[in-house]
Protein backbone atom coordinates (compact mmCIF):
# COMPACT_ATOMS: atom_id res chain seq x y z
CA GLU A 1 0.00 0.00 0.00
CA GLU A 2 2.89 2.40 0.75
CA VAL A 3 4.39 1.67 -2.70
CA LEU A 4 1.03 2.50 -4.28
CA ASP A 5 0.84 5.77 -2.29
CA VAL A 6 4.33 6.76 -3.52
CA GLN A 7 3.24 6.06 -7.12
CA VAL A 8 0.05 8.09 -6.69
CA ARG A 9 2.07 10.97 -5.17
CA GLN A 10 4.46 10.85 -8.13
CA ASP A 11 1.55 10.83 -10.58
CA LEU A 12 0.05 13.86 -8.83
CA HIS A 13 3.38 15.69 -9.04
CA ASP A 14 3.23 15.26 -12.83
CA LEU A 15 -0.05 17.18 -13.23
CA PRO A 16 0.67 20.55 -14.94
CA LYS A 17 -1.05 22.74 -12.33
CA VAL A 18 0.62 20.86 -9.49
CA VAL A 19 4.02 21.20 -11.18
CA LEU A 20 3.46 24.94 -11.58
CA LEU A 21 2.17 25.27 -8.01
CA LEU A 22 5.14 23.42 -6.51
CA ARG A 23 7.54 25.56 -8.55
CA LEU A 24 5.84 28.70 -7.25
CA LEU A 25 5.91 27.46 -3.65
CA LYS A 26 9.61 26.69 -3.98
CA LYS A 27 10.25 30.32 -4.99
CA ARG A 28 8.04 31.56 -2.14
CA SER A 29 9.46 29.51 0.71
CA THR A 30 8.25 31.96 3.37
CA GLY A 31 5.06 33.86 4.01
CA LYS A 32 1.37 33.09 4.20
CA ILE A 33 -0.16 31.51 1.12
CA ILE A 34 -3.82 30.90 0.31
CA ILE A 35 -4.69 28.35 -2.37
CA ALA A 36 -8.35 28.43 -3.45
CA SER A 37 -10.35 26.16 -5.71
CA GLU A 38 -14.01 25.57 -6.44
CA PHE A 39 -13.37 21.87 -6.00
CA TYR A 40 -12.62 20.01 -2.76
CA GLU A 41 -11.10 17.16 -4.78
CA VAL A 42 -8.53 19.45 -6.41
CA LEU A 43 -7.46 20.78 -3.02
CA ALA A 44 -7.21 17.23 -1.65
CA VAL A 45 -4.77 16.41 -4.48
CA VAL A 46 -2.77 19.58 -3.77
CA ALA A 47 -2.66 18.77 -0.04
CA LYS A 48 -0.91 15.46 -0.81
CA CYS A 49 1.80 17.24 -2.79
CA LEU A 50 2.66 20.18 -0.53
CA PRO A 51 6.14 20.35 1.02
CA LYS A 52 6.29 18.88 4.51
CA GLU A 53 7.94 22.02 5.95
CA ARG A 54 4.74 24.01 5.32
CA GLN A 55 2.01 24.11 7.94
CA VAL A 56 -1.16 23.23 6.02
CA PHE A 57 -4.71 24.28 6.92
CA PHE A 58 -7.64 22.88 4.94
CA VAL A 59 -11.10 24.47 5.06
CA HIS A 60 -14.13 23.23 3.14
CA SER A 61 -17.89 23.11 3.55
CA GLU A 62 -17.91 19.93 5.66
CA ILE A 63 -15.96 21.57 8.48
CA PRO A 64 -18.22 23.09 11.18
CA GLN A 65 -18.17 26.89 11.47
CA SER A 66 -16.66 26.87 14.98
CA MET A 67 -13.74 24.78 13.74
CA ARG A 68 -13.31 27.05 10.69
CA ASP A 69 -13.03 30.08 12.97
CA THR A 70 -10.25 28.37 14.93
CA ILE A 71 -8.42 27.42 11.73
CA PHE A 72 -8.69 30.96 10.34
CA HIS A 73 -7.44 32.41 13.64
CA ASP A 74 -4.48 30.02 13.73
CA PHE A 75 -3.64 30.81 10.09
CA ARG A 76 -3.73 34.57 10.75
CA GLU A 77 -2.05 34.70 14.15
CA HIS A 78 0.02 31.66 15.02
CA ALA A 79 1.25 29.80 11.98
CA THR A 80 4.74 30.01 10.51
CA ASN A 81 4.86 29.88 6.69
CA PRO A 82 1.35 28.43 6.47
CA VAL A 83 -0.64 27.34 3.45
CA LEU A 84 -4.42 27.64 3.63
CA LEU A 85 -6.32 25.40 1.23
CA ILE A 86 -9.87 26.69 0.93
CA THR A 87 -12.85 26.05 -1.29
CA LYS A 88 -14.12 29.26 -2.85
CA SER A 89 -17.66 28.71 -1.56
CA THR A 90 -16.34 28.48 1.99
CA GLY A 91 -14.11 31.52 1.86
CA ASN A 92 -15.89 33.96 -0.39
CA THR A 93 -17.71 36.18 2.12
CA GLY A 94 -17.00 37.99 5.35
CA LEU A 95 -13.45 36.85 6.02
CA ASN A 96 -10.26 38.78 6.58
CA LEU A 97 -7.37 36.54 5.57
CA PRO A 98 -4.20 38.57 5.15
CA CYS A 99 -1.59 36.73 3.13
CA ASP A 100 1.46 37.25 0.96
CA VAL A 101 0.27 35.12 -1.96
CA MET A 102 -3.23 34.19 -3.18
CA ILE A 103 -3.47 31.41 -5.77
CA LEU A 104 -6.72 30.61 -7.56
CA LEU A 105 -6.31 27.17 -9.11
CA GLU A 106 -8.94 27.82 -11.78
CA PRO A 107 -11.25 30.64 -12.83
CA ALA A 108 -14.67 30.42 -11.19
CA THR A 109 -17.76 29.69 -13.23
CA ASN A 110 -19.20 32.83 -11.62
CA GLU A 111 -16.72 35.73 -11.75
CA ILE A 112 -18.10 37.25 -8.52
CA GLU A 113 -16.71 34.25 -6.59
CA ASP A 114 -13.18 35.17 -7.71
CA VAL A 115 -13.74 38.82 -6.83
CA GLN A 116 -14.98 37.84 -3.37
CA MET A 117 -12.18 35.34 -2.83
CA THR A 118 -9.46 37.85 -3.71
CA ALA A 119 -11.18 40.40 -1.49
CA ARG A 120 -10.38 38.17 1.51
CA ALA A 121 -6.71 39.08 1.10
CA LEU A 122 -7.08 42.56 -0.38
CA ARG A 123 -8.99 44.41 2.32
CA LEU A 124 -9.79 48.09 2.04
CA GLY A 125 -7.11 50.17 3.75
CA SER A 126 -4.57 47.38 3.65
CA THR A 127 -1.08 48.43 2.59
CA ARG A 128 0.38 44.93 2.54
CA PRO A 129 1.28 43.81 -1.01
CA VAL A 130 -0.29 40.53 -2.12
CA ASP A 131 0.85 38.55 -5.16
CA MET A 132 -2.20 37.15 -6.93
CA TYR A 133 -2.11 34.20 -9.33
CA MET A 134 -4.86 32.49 -11.31
CA PHE A 135 -3.95 29.25 -13.05
CA VAL A 136 -5.71 29.04 -16.40
CA GLY A 137 -5.45 25.81 -18.36
CA GLN A 138 -6.60 25.08 -21.87
CA GLY A 139 -10.25 24.33 -22.65
CA ILE A 140 -12.93 25.20 -20.12
CA ASP A 141 -10.54 27.16 -17.84
CA ARG A 142 -9.64 29.42 -20.74
CA ALA A 143 -13.32 29.83 -21.68
CA PHE A 144 -14.24 30.97 -18.16
CA ALA A 145 -11.22 33.30 -17.90
CA THR A 146 -12.00 34.82 -21.31
CA ARG A 147 -15.63 35.36 -20.31
CA GLN A 148 -14.52 37.06 -17.07
CA TYR A 149 -12.14 39.32 -18.97
CA ASN A 150 -14.77 40.23 -21.57
CA ASN A 151 -17.38 40.94 -18.88
CA ARG A 152 -15.02 43.32 -17.07
CA LYS A 153 -14.02 44.97 -20.34
CA ARG A 154 -17.65 45.43 -21.42
CA ASP A 155 -18.98 46.67 -18.10
CA ARG A 156 -16.41 49.03 -16.59
CA THR A 157 -19.02 51.11 -14.77
CA THR A 158 -20.13 48.61 -12.12
CA SER A 159 -18.50 48.62 -8.73
CA THR A 160 -17.60 44.92 -9.06
CA SER A 161 -15.64 45.27 -12.27
CA ASN A 162 -13.97 48.50 -11.06
CA TYR A 163 -12.98 46.76 -7.82
CA PHE A 164 -11.57 43.77 -9.69
CA LYS A 165 -9.69 45.99 -12.16
CA LEU A 166 -8.21 48.03 -9.32
CA LYS A 167 -7.13 45.01 -7.30
CA THR A 168 -5.69 42.99 -10.18
CA LYS A 169 -2.93 45.51 -10.83
CA LYS A 170 -0.84 43.32 -8.49
CA THR A 171 -1.86 40.12 -10.32
CA LYS A 172 0.55 37.88 -12.14
CA SER A 173 -0.93 35.82 -14.96
CA THR A 174 0.30 32.30 -15.56
CA THR A 175 -0.91 29.90 -18.23
CA VAL A 176 -0.67 26.11 -17.93
């Protein structure tokens, strides 16, 4: 069974987004990092591949609210070089999660979810720089990202698109 687990871990390390993520984490060996995805299963795969020296927190919809609050507090106040894995639906409203790096593993089907998720790290009045990444693969990822871009381009007068435009000046774009 341990041999099988090693093979599965190696197979996971060969996935393009995981390869890119691990490369990014190697460059950013310190600081607080949030990795968000719409999919619990994607975060479970990522959790298996993260470096052992990182303190990993995992929050998803099955975790009770009281436990989430403790995890968020520990991530903010007590952890050293932590990584927070969070589903977008769990972390898209009402949280203050200061971090050094925010990574969205795929564009959301609903662009507002990405705006809300990035707002967790980019709070009004905050002067702390945050590096933002969105991994966009070929196919459906690209279609969603293109739709988000076109929506923002078309509708520059709404507060949502102005907010996203303003905040993404610190964003780095990476294509898988």
